[in-house]
Protein backbone atom coordinates (compact mmCIF):
# COMPACT_ATOMS: atom_id res chain seq x y z
CA MET A 1 -27.08 59.92 139.38
CA SER A 2 -23.89 59.94 137.74
CA ASP A 3 -23.11 56.60 140.02
CA PHE A 4 -26.38 55.17 137.89
CA LYS A 5 -25.60 56.76 134.73
CA ALA A 6 -22.11 54.89 135.13
CA ARG A 7 -23.75 51.55 135.47
CA LEU A 8 -26.15 52.14 132.78
CA LYS A 9 -22.95 52.87 130.22
CA ALA A 10 -21.34 50.00 131.44
CA ASN A 11 -24.16 47.48 131.26
CA THR A 12 -24.95 48.51 127.36
CA ASP A 13 -20.90 48.30 126.92
CA ASP A 14 -21.20 45.11 128.50
CA ILE A 15 -24.70 43.64 126.88
CA ALA A 16 -23.44 44.53 123.04
CA GLU A 17 -19.67 42.86 123.55
CA THR A 18 -21.53 39.90 124.94
CA LEU A 19 -23.90 39.77 121.72
CA THR A 20 -20.78 40.40 119.51
CA SER A 21 -19.36 37.25 121.41
CA LEU A 22 -22.77 34.85 120.66
CA LEU A 23 -23.74 35.67 117.55
CA PRO A 24 -22.46 33.62 114.60
CA ARG A 25 -19.67 36.07 112.41
CA ALA A 26 -20.22 36.65 108.70
CA GLU A 27 -16.40 35.78 108.51
CA VAL A 28 -14.71 33.00 109.68
CA ASP A 29 -10.65 33.25 108.35
CA GLY A 30 -11.65 35.82 105.69
CA VAL A 31 -13.97 33.99 104.41
CA ARG A 32 -17.82 34.72 104.26
CA CYS A 33 -20.47 32.02 104.83
CA ALA A 34 -22.87 31.52 102.11
CA GLU A 35 -25.71 33.01 104.28
CA ALA A 36 -23.12 36.29 105.46
CA ARG A 37 -26.16 38.75 104.50
CA LEU A 38 -28.48 36.78 107.07
CA LEU A 39 -26.02 37.35 109.69
CA ASP A 40 -24.62 40.25 108.66
CA ALA A 41 -28.43 41.63 109.54
CA MET A 42 -29.11 40.00 112.63
CA HIS A 43 -26.32 41.84 114.16
CA TYR A 44 -27.71 45.05 112.76
CA ALA A 45 -31.17 44.87 114.57
CA VAL A 46 -29.27 44.03 117.85
CA GLU A 47 -27.07 47.05 117.09
CA GLY A 48 -27.87 51.12 119.84
CA GLY A 49 -31.11 51.14 121.77
CA LYS A 50 -31.56 52.04 125.34
CA ARG A 51 -31.15 47.83 126.49
CA LEU A 52 -33.78 48.46 129.43
CA ARG A 53 -34.43 45.17 129.81
CA ALA A 54 -31.21 44.12 129.71
CA PHE A 55 -30.26 45.88 132.53
CA LEU A 56 -33.14 45.29 134.21
CA ALA A 57 -32.09 41.62 134.53
CA VAL A 58 -28.33 42.13 135.02
CA GLU A 59 -29.28 44.56 138.20
CA THR A 60 -32.05 42.27 139.42
CA ALA A 61 -29.29 39.13 139.30
CA GLN A 62 -26.74 40.90 140.83
CA ILE A 63 -28.67 42.46 144.00
CA PHE A 64 -29.33 38.43 144.58
CA GLY A 65 -24.87 37.74 144.03
CA THR A 66 -25.41 36.02 140.58
CA ASP A 67 -22.04 36.00 138.86
CA ARG A 68 -22.03 38.90 136.42
CA GLY A 69 -21.45 36.70 133.30
CA HIS A 70 -24.60 34.36 133.77
CA ALA A 71 -26.73 37.84 133.98
CA LEU A 72 -24.91 39.17 130.65
CA ARG A 73 -26.07 36.25 128.78
CA VAL A 74 -29.68 36.42 130.10
CA GLY A 75 -29.55 40.04 128.95
CA ALA A 76 -27.78 38.97 125.55
CA ALA A 77 -31.32 36.30 125.64
CA ILE A 78 -33.58 39.16 126.30
CA GLU A 79 -32.28 41.50 123.41
CA CYS A 80 -32.87 39.26 121.15
CA ILE A 81 -35.93 38.41 121.50
CA HIS A 82 -36.70 42.43 122.07
CA ALA A 83 -35.08 42.98 118.40
CA TYR A 84 -36.59 40.26 117.05
CA SER A 85 -39.82 41.92 117.75
CA LEU A 86 -39.23 45.38 116.77
CA VAL A 87 -37.81 44.14 113.29
CA HIS A 88 -41.21 42.50 112.83
CA ASP A 89 -42.99 45.35 114.34
CA ASP A 90 -41.39 47.66 111.39
CA LEU A 91 -42.31 45.52 108.98
CA PRO A 92 -44.49 46.19 106.14
CA ALA A 93 -47.41 44.22 107.60
CA MET A 94 -47.27 45.54 110.68
CA ASP A 95 -46.39 49.22 111.76
CA ASP A 96 -44.42 49.59 107.85
CA ASP A 97 -41.49 52.09 109.93
CA ASP A 98 -38.54 53.15 107.87
CA LEU A 99 -36.25 54.51 110.74
CA ARG A 100 -35.66 52.87 114.19
CA ARG A 101 -33.12 53.89 116.38
CA GLY A 102 -31.82 56.62 114.21
CA ARG A 103 -30.89 54.66 111.27
CA PRO A 104 -33.07 52.87 108.82
CA THR A 105 -34.83 49.46 109.91
CA THR A 106 -33.69 46.17 109.15
CA HIS A 107 -36.00 45.59 106.42
CA LYS A 108 -34.91 49.37 104.44
CA ALA A 109 -31.18 48.48 105.23
CA PHE A 110 -31.29 44.88 103.95
CA ASP A 111 -35.17 43.71 102.75
CA GLU A 112 -38.06 42.34 103.69
CA ALA A 113 -37.11 38.74 103.09
CA THR A 114 -33.92 38.42 104.80
CA ALA A 115 -35.14 40.78 108.04
CA ILE A 116 -38.25 38.35 108.65
CA LEU A 117 -35.59 35.66 108.63
CA ALA A 118 -32.57 37.31 110.81
CA ALA A 119 -35.38 38.02 113.71
CA ASP A 120 -36.82 34.68 113.22
CA ALA A 121 -33.22 33.55 113.65
CA LEU A 122 -32.83 36.04 116.40
CA GLN A 123 -35.78 34.83 118.36
CA ALA A 124 -34.02 30.45 118.06
CA MET A 125 -30.60 32.43 119.12
CA ALA A 126 -32.20 33.33 122.28
CA PHE A 127 -33.18 30.03 123.24
CA THR A 128 -30.05 28.75 122.56
CA ILE A 129 -27.73 31.21 125.05
CA LEU A 130 -30.23 30.51 127.44
CA ALA A 131 -30.10 26.59 126.76
CA SER A 132 -26.35 26.56 127.20
CA ASP A 133 -24.59 25.25 130.66
CA ALA A 134 -22.76 28.20 129.89
CA THR A 135 -25.64 30.08 131.20
CA HIS A 136 -25.52 28.52 134.24
CA GLU A 137 -24.79 25.15 135.45
CA ASN A 138 -28.19 24.21 137.08
CA PRO A 139 -30.13 22.91 134.51
CA PHE A 140 -33.51 23.45 135.87
CA ILE A 141 -32.85 26.89 136.22
CA ARG A 142 -32.21 27.06 132.82
CA CYS A 143 -34.94 25.20 131.76
CA GLU A 144 -37.15 27.93 134.02
CA LEU A 145 -35.40 30.59 132.33
CA VAL A 146 -36.45 29.08 128.71
CA ALA A 147 -39.93 28.86 130.37
CA CYS A 148 -40.78 32.25 131.35
CA LEU A 149 -38.92 33.78 128.70
CA ALA A 150 -41.26 31.84 126.02
CA ARG A 151 -44.42 32.59 127.78
CA ALA A 152 -43.34 36.55 127.86
CA ALA A 153 -43.12 36.48 124.20
CA GLY A 154 -45.47 34.50 123.12
CA ALA A 155 -49.57 34.51 122.58
CA ARG A 156 -50.52 35.61 126.41
CA GLY A 157 -47.87 38.24 126.29
CA MET A 158 -45.21 40.24 123.26
CA VAL A 159 -47.26 38.33 120.86
CA GLY A 160 -50.56 38.69 122.02
CA GLY A 161 -50.41 41.73 122.38
CA GLN A 162 -48.86 42.68 119.11
CA MET A 163 -52.00 40.94 117.84
CA ILE A 164 -54.32 42.90 120.14
CA ASP A 165 -52.66 46.21 118.61
CA ILE A 166 -53.40 45.00 115.25
CA GLU A 167 -57.27 44.42 115.79
CA ALA A 168 -57.12 47.34 117.35
CA GLU A 169 -56.55 49.14 114.13
CA ARG A 170 -59.92 47.43 112.12
CA ALA A 171 -62.17 47.85 115.60
CA SER A 172 -64.86 50.64 114.75
CA GLU A 173 -64.34 51.70 118.12
CA PRO A 174 -61.31 52.51 119.44
CA LEU A 175 -60.22 50.54 122.84
CA SER A 176 -60.94 51.35 126.61
CA LEU A 177 -58.65 52.45 128.91
CA ALA A 178 -58.70 49.38 130.79
CA GLU A 179 -58.27 47.23 127.24
CA THR A 180 -55.16 49.50 126.40
CA SER A 181 -53.94 48.97 129.99
CA ARG A 182 -53.83 45.38 128.95
CA LEU A 183 -52.82 45.24 125.64
CA GLN A 184 -49.72 47.24 126.54
CA ARG A 185 -48.87 45.05 129.51
CA MET A 186 -48.96 42.51 127.35
CA LYS A 187 -47.06 44.02 124.13
CA THR A 188 -44.30 46.19 125.96
CA GLY A 189 -44.70 44.80 129.88
CA ALA A 190 -44.08 41.02 129.56
CA LEU A 191 -40.14 41.67 128.31
CA ILE A 192 -40.37 43.81 131.19
CA GLU A 193 -41.49 41.84 133.40
CA VAL A 194 -39.52 38.92 132.61
CA SER A 195 -36.08 40.27 132.57
CA CYS A 196 -36.60 41.19 136.19
CA THR A 197 -38.20 37.66 136.51
CA MET A 198 -35.47 35.98 134.78
CA GLY A 199 -32.96 37.77 137.05
CA ALA A 200 -34.66 36.71 140.16
CA ILE A 201 -34.42 33.42 138.84
CA LEU A 202 -30.73 33.33 138.69
CA GLY A 203 -30.53 34.37 142.07
CA GLN A 204 -32.25 31.69 143.48
CA THR A 205 -33.97 34.50 145.86
CA SER A 206 -36.89 33.49 148.13
CA ALA A 207 -40.81 33.64 146.56
CA THR A 208 -41.19 36.88 148.65
CA ASN A 209 -37.97 38.60 146.65
CA ARG A 210 -39.14 37.22 142.85
CA ARG A 211 -42.59 39.26 144.22
CA ALA A 212 -41.29 42.40 144.40
CA VAL A 213 -38.88 42.62 141.73
CA GLU A 214 -42.28 41.66 139.18
CA TYR A 215 -44.73 43.90 140.83
CA TYR A 216 -41.89 46.82 140.33
CA ALA A 217 -41.61 45.72 136.98
CA ARG A 218 -45.21 45.39 135.99
CA ASP A 219 -46.18 48.95 137.32
CA LEU A 220 -42.76 49.99 135.60
CA GLY A 221 -43.15 48.79 132.06
CA LEU A 222 -46.72 50.47 131.84
CA ALA A 223 -45.13 53.78 133.18
CA PHE A 224 -42.78 53.13 130.63
CA GLN A 225 -45.04 53.29 127.40
CA ILE A 226 -47.05 56.10 129.11
CA CYS A 227 -44.40 57.66 128.86
CA ASP A 228 -43.27 56.64 125.22
CA ASP A 229 -47.07 57.69 124.41
CA LEU A 230 -46.12 61.02 125.57
CA LEU A 231 -42.77 61.80 124.09
CA ASP A 232 -44.70 60.02 120.43
CA ALA A 233 -46.89 62.89 121.17
CA THR A 234 -44.85 65.76 121.90
CA GLY A 235 -41.47 64.65 121.14
CA ASP A 236 -39.53 65.03 117.30
CA GLU A 237 -38.33 62.17 114.85
CA ALA A 238 -34.80 63.81 115.63
CA SER A 239 -34.46 63.42 119.46
CA LEU A 240 -36.31 59.97 119.12
CA GLY A 241 -34.76 58.82 116.55
CA LYS A 242 -38.12 57.06 115.21
CA ALA A 243 -41.32 58.33 113.61
CA VAL A 244 -43.84 59.91 115.47
CA ALA A 245 -47.41 60.14 115.83
CA LYS A 246 -47.88 57.34 114.25
CA ASP A 247 -50.30 55.48 116.53
CA ALA A 248 -52.62 58.29 116.37
CA ALA A 249 -52.58 58.52 112.84
CA ALA A 250 -53.29 54.73 112.72
CA GLY A 251 -56.23 55.92 115.18
CA LYS A 252 -55.53 53.41 117.79
CA ALA A 253 -55.92 54.45 121.46
CA THR A 254 -53.21 55.73 123.21
CA PHE A 255 -52.79 56.57 127.09
CA VAL A 256 -52.31 60.28 125.80
CA ASP A 257 -55.55 59.68 123.90
CA LEU A 258 -57.74 58.59 127.04
CA LEU A 259 -55.93 60.43 129.29
CA GLY A 260 -54.76 63.91 127.99
CA ILE A 261 -50.74 65.25 128.67
CA ASP A 262 -51.60 66.06 132.35
CA GLY A 263 -53.56 62.77 133.08
CA ALA A 264 -51.27 60.95 131.70
CA LYS A 265 -48.22 62.38 133.36
CA ASP A 266 -50.17 62.14 136.47
CA ARG A 267 -50.67 58.21 136.11
CA ALA A 268 -46.72 57.45 134.83
CA ALA A 269 -45.56 59.71 137.89
CA LEU A 270 -47.73 57.11 139.91
CA LEU A 271 -47.56 53.91 138.33
CA THR A 272 -43.28 55.04 138.98
CA GLU A 273 -44.37 55.37 142.89
CA GLN A 274 -45.84 52.32 143.01
CA ALA A 275 -42.81 50.42 141.04
CA LYS A 276 -40.39 51.55 143.77
CA ALA A 277 -42.63 51.43 147.37
CA HIS A 278 -42.69 47.21 145.73
CA LEU A 279 -38.49 47.40 146.43
CA ALA A 280 -39.26 47.97 150.35
CA PRO A 281 -38.28 44.30 150.96
CA LEU A 282 -35.22 44.54 149.49
CA GLY A 283 -34.00 47.70 151.25
CA GLY A 284 -30.99 49.56 149.95
CA ARG A 285 -30.10 46.58 147.41
CA ALA A 286 -32.68 47.91 145.18
CA GLU A 287 -31.17 51.30 144.56
CA THR A 288 -30.50 51.38 141.25
CA LEU A 289 -34.02 49.82 140.28
CA ARG A 290 -35.76 53.00 142.44
CA THR A 291 -33.14 54.94 139.99
CA LEU A 292 -34.05 53.31 137.09
CA ALA A 293 -37.87 53.85 137.51
CA ASP A 294 -37.12 57.42 138.03
CA HIS A 295 -35.02 57.54 135.00
CA ALA A 296 -37.47 55.91 132.51
CA LEU A 297 -40.15 59.04 133.92
CA THR A 298 -37.88 61.91 132.92
CA ARG A 299 -36.18 60.39 129.86
CA GLN A 300 -36.16 62.13 126.80
CA ASN A 301 -36.05 59.51 124.35
């Protein structure tokens, strides 16, 4: 576990450094540009967090012998998409949150208009990174990376899941377990799954290996969300760095509501074991991904 934690920290540090180097700077030669407030907000929005998605992309890519610099760029692109989604999710028109990662949300630290523009710019930045030949010399691989991330973030993925979540607040009846599972596979799971997919694309691995990491990530994503629901129900704002019990207050169905605390724990544990089992074709090369699944199950924030 100590080796895993060291790898996790190294990835977090490397992704932070990569993002800092890739995002445009607000000040050049001591002079702040006219759009500096926007750029400040972009940097603010990507700071902190667990970097789970980037870690999945980098570790999956390295399983298949990919250049680490290429993998870090892909991880940074995924983090740009994730950060943009969180900024939008926190807005008054969405979840109306004041706290994220233990500090004011982007629209509170700046203002709503700046937060929206920063999120929009981060989304565009993600595809700028992937389209660059610095990410991979093969243009066909770059195109596949762009297409996969766009699908995962779009109407049949993350954004579609958010729409279902908003509609669920207005519905007369709470979502069923199957409906909630689909919502979360789209809203949260799609970006987790595509992180592994993109690592496999970089590694130019076989279809069998690619399916193995995708199925792993699919089950991991749902287990991760169930653990989030458990933490929301049993944790506190100080340790989580964000407001708790907001979904319950809004009348949204959570896995804890649907399964109970013990049932939710059992379901998360089952999904975690399934996720690890999918990695069998990769043998010992995937040990870090197996450890990550266990870590996700027992995390406290």
